[in-house]
Amino acid sequence: MNNEDIRQMNNKELHATLREERKQLQKMKFNHAVSPIENPTKITVGRKTVARLLTEINARNSAAKKA
């Protein structure tokens, strides 16, 4: 998921995607702790996706407060 896709989402979609990405990240971390996963860079990609979603949500919240 790139920044263009994230910017085109509405607020409900952003929050729903954030919840889903956090669940997937939690599951990947747990699976990796039990037995090493084949591609551990997926955890890094998931973490960055969560950060991008949070950044967009925070940017929208601060823009709404200024308006």
N, C-alpha and C. Protein backbone atom coordinates (compact mmCIF):
# COMPACT_ATOMS: atom_id res chain seq x y z
N MET A 1 0.86 -1.17 0.00
CA MET A 1 0.00 0.00 0.00
C MET A 1 0.90 1.23 0.00
N ASN A 2 0.71 2.09 -0.98
CA ASN A 2 1.54 3.28 -1.06
C ASN A 2 0.77 4.51 -0.56
N ASN A 3 1.47 5.63 -0.51
CA ASN A 3 0.88 6.85 0.03
C ASN A 3 -0.30 7.34 -0.80
N GLU A 4 -0.25 7.15 -2.10
CA GLU A 4 -1.35 7.58 -2.96
C GLU A 4 -2.65 6.88 -2.57
N ASP A 5 -2.57 5.57 -2.35
CA ASP A 5 -3.75 4.80 -1.96
C ASP A 5 -4.27 5.27 -0.61
N ILE A 6 -3.38 5.55 0.30
CA ILE A 6 -3.77 5.97 1.65
C ILE A 6 -4.46 7.32 1.61
N ARG A 7 -3.95 8.24 0.81
CA ARG A 7 -4.54 9.58 0.73
C ARG A 7 -5.94 9.55 0.13
N GLN A 8 -6.23 8.58 -0.72
CA GLN A 8 -7.53 8.51 -1.38
C GLN A 8 -8.61 7.90 -0.50
N MET A 9 -8.23 7.28 0.61
CA MET A 9 -9.21 6.66 1.50
C MET A 9 -9.93 7.71 2.33
N ASN A 10 -11.17 7.39 2.71
CA ASN A 10 -11.86 8.28 3.65
C ASN A 10 -11.48 7.85 5.07
N ASN A 11 -11.98 8.60 6.06
CA ASN A 11 -11.56 8.36 7.45
C ASN A 11 -11.96 6.97 7.95
N LYS A 12 -13.16 6.52 7.61
CA LYS A 12 -13.59 5.20 8.06
C LYS A 12 -12.70 4.11 7.48
N GLU A 13 -12.39 4.23 6.20
CA GLU A 13 -11.52 3.23 5.56
C GLU A 13 -10.13 3.24 6.18
N LEU A 14 -9.63 4.45 6.50
CA LEU A 14 -8.32 4.54 7.13
C LEU A 14 -8.28 3.81 8.46
N HIS A 15 -9.28 4.05 9.29
CA HIS A 15 -9.30 3.42 10.61
C HIS A 15 -9.50 1.91 10.50
N ALA A 16 -10.33 1.47 9.57
CA ALA A 16 -10.54 0.03 9.38
C ALA A 16 -9.26 -0.64 8.88
N THR A 17 -8.57 0.00 7.95
CA THR A 17 -7.32 -0.54 7.43
C THR A 17 -6.26 -0.57 8.51
N LEU A 18 -6.23 0.46 9.34
CA LEU A 18 -5.26 0.50 10.43
C LEU A 18 -5.48 -0.65 11.40
N ARG A 19 -6.74 -0.89 11.76
CA ARG A 19 -7.04 -2.01 12.65
C ARG A 19 -6.59 -3.34 12.05
N GLU A 20 -6.89 -3.53 10.78
CA GLU A 20 -6.54 -4.78 10.10
C GLU A 20 -5.03 -4.95 9.99
N GLU A 21 -4.33 -3.89 9.64
CA GLU A 21 -2.87 -3.97 9.52
C GLU A 21 -2.22 -4.26 10.88
N ARG A 22 -2.76 -3.67 11.93
CA ARG A 22 -2.21 -3.93 13.26
C ARG A 22 -2.43 -5.39 13.67
N LYS A 23 -3.60 -5.94 13.33
CA LYS A 23 -3.86 -7.35 13.64
C LYS A 23 -2.89 -8.25 12.89
N GLN A 24 -2.68 -7.96 11.61
CA GLN A 24 -1.77 -8.77 10.81
C GLN A 24 -0.34 -8.67 11.33
N LEU A 25 0.07 -7.46 11.72
CA LEU A 25 1.41 -7.26 12.25
C LEU A 25 1.60 -8.03 13.55
N GLN A 26 0.60 -7.97 14.42
CA GLN A 26 0.66 -8.71 15.68
C GLN A 26 0.80 -10.21 15.42
N LYS A 27 0.01 -10.71 14.47
CA LYS A 27 0.04 -12.13 14.14
C LYS A 27 1.41 -12.53 13.56
N MET A 28 1.95 -11.69 12.69
CA MET A 28 3.26 -11.99 12.11
C MET A 28 4.34 -12.01 13.18
N LYS A 29 4.30 -11.04 14.10
CA LYS A 29 5.30 -11.00 15.17
C LYS A 29 5.21 -12.24 16.04
N PHE A 30 4.00 -12.64 16.37
CA PHE A 30 3.82 -13.83 17.20
C PHE A 30 4.34 -15.07 16.49
N ASN A 31 3.98 -15.22 15.22
CA ASN A 31 4.44 -16.37 14.45
C ASN A 31 5.96 -16.39 14.32
N HIS A 32 6.55 -15.22 14.18
CA HIS A 32 8.00 -15.13 14.06
C HIS A 32 8.69 -15.49 15.38
N ALA A 33 8.06 -15.16 16.49
CA ALA A 33 8.64 -15.49 17.79
C ALA A 33 8.59 -16.99 18.05
N VAL A 34 7.53 -17.64 17.60
CA VAL A 34 7.39 -19.09 17.81
C VAL A 34 8.33 -19.85 16.89
N SER A 35 8.25 -19.56 15.62
CA SER A 35 9.17 -20.18 14.66
C SER A 35 9.47 -19.14 13.58
N PRO A 36 10.72 -18.99 13.20
CA PRO A 36 11.09 -17.95 12.24
C PRO A 36 10.29 -18.04 10.94
N ILE A 37 9.73 -16.92 10.52
CA ILE A 37 8.99 -16.90 9.26
C ILE A 37 9.97 -16.84 8.10
N GLU A 38 9.50 -17.21 6.93
CA GLU A 38 10.36 -17.31 5.76
C GLU A 38 10.91 -15.95 5.33
N ASN A 39 10.08 -14.92 5.39
CA ASN A 39 10.49 -13.60 4.94
C ASN A 39 10.24 -12.57 6.06
N PRO A 40 11.22 -12.35 6.93
CA PRO A 40 11.01 -11.45 8.05
C PRO A 40 10.88 -9.98 7.66
N THR A 41 11.19 -9.63 6.41
CA THR A 41 11.02 -8.24 6.00
C THR A 41 9.54 -7.85 5.90
N LYS A 42 8.65 -8.85 5.88
CA LYS A 42 7.21 -8.55 5.90
C LYS A 42 6.83 -7.81 7.17
N ILE A 43 7.52 -8.11 8.27
CA ILE A 43 7.25 -7.41 9.53
C ILE A 43 7.61 -5.94 9.39
N THR A 44 8.74 -5.66 8.76
CA THR A 44 9.17 -4.28 8.55
C THR A 44 8.19 -3.54 7.65
N VAL A 45 7.76 -4.19 6.59
CA VAL A 45 6.80 -3.57 5.67
C VAL A 45 5.49 -3.28 6.38
N GLY A 46 5.02 -4.22 7.20
CA GLY A 46 3.80 -4.02 7.97
C GLY A 46 3.90 -2.87 8.94
N ARG A 47 5.05 -2.78 9.60
CA ARG A 47 5.26 -1.69 10.55
C ARG A 47 5.27 -0.33 9.85
N LYS A 48 5.88 -0.27 8.68
CA LYS A 48 5.91 0.97 7.92
C LYS A 48 4.52 1.35 7.40
N THR A 49 3.74 0.37 7.03
CA THR A 49 2.37 0.63 6.58
C THR A 49 1.54 1.21 7.71
N VAL A 50 1.67 0.65 8.90
CA VAL A 50 0.96 1.17 10.07
C VAL A 50 1.38 2.61 10.32
N ALA A 51 2.67 2.89 10.21
CA ALA A 51 3.17 4.26 10.42
C ALA A 51 2.61 5.22 9.38
N ARG A 52 2.52 4.78 8.13
CA ARG A 52 1.95 5.64 7.08
C ARG A 52 0.49 5.96 7.36
N LEU A 53 -0.25 4.94 7.78
CA LEU A 53 -1.67 5.16 8.09
C LEU A 53 -1.82 6.13 9.26
N LEU A 54 -1.03 5.94 10.31
CA LEU A 54 -1.10 6.84 11.46
C LEU A 54 -0.71 8.26 11.09
N THR A 55 0.28 8.41 10.23
CA THR A 55 0.71 9.73 9.79
C THR A 55 -0.42 10.45 9.05
N GLU A 56 -1.10 9.74 8.17
CA GLU A 56 -2.21 10.35 7.43
C GLU A 56 -3.36 10.71 8.36
N ILE A 57 -3.68 9.85 9.30
CA ILE A 57 -4.76 10.13 10.26
C ILE A 57 -4.41 11.36 11.08
N ASN A 58 -3.17 11.44 11.57
CA ASN A 58 -2.76 12.58 12.38
C ASN A 58 -2.73 13.87 11.57
N ALA A 59 -2.32 13.79 10.32
CA ALA A 59 -2.31 14.97 9.45
C ALA A 59 -3.73 15.48 9.23
N ARG A 60 -4.66 14.58 9.02
CA ARG A 60 -6.06 14.99 8.83
C ARG A 60 -6.65 15.59 10.11
N ASN A 61 -6.28 15.00 11.25
CA ASN A 61 -6.80 15.53 12.52
C ASN A 61 -6.25 16.94 12.79
N SER A 62 -4.98 17.18 12.53
CA SER A 62 -4.41 18.49 12.78
C SER A 62 -4.93 19.52 11.76
N ALA A 63 -5.21 19.07 10.53
CA ALA A 63 -5.79 19.98 9.53
C ALA A 63 -7.21 20.37 9.93
N ALA A 64 -7.94 19.42 10.51
CA ALA A 64 -9.31 19.70 10.94
C ALA A 64 -9.33 20.66 12.12
N LYS A 65 -8.33 20.55 13.00
CA LYS A 65 -8.26 21.45 14.15
C LYS A 65 -7.92 22.86 13.74
N LYS A 66 -7.11 23.01 12.71
CA LYS A 66 -6.71 24.33 12.23
C LYS A 66 -7.85 25.04 11.51
N ALA A 67 -8.71 24.26 10.89
CA ALA A 67 -9.81 24.84 10.10
C ALA A 67 -10.94 25.33 10.95
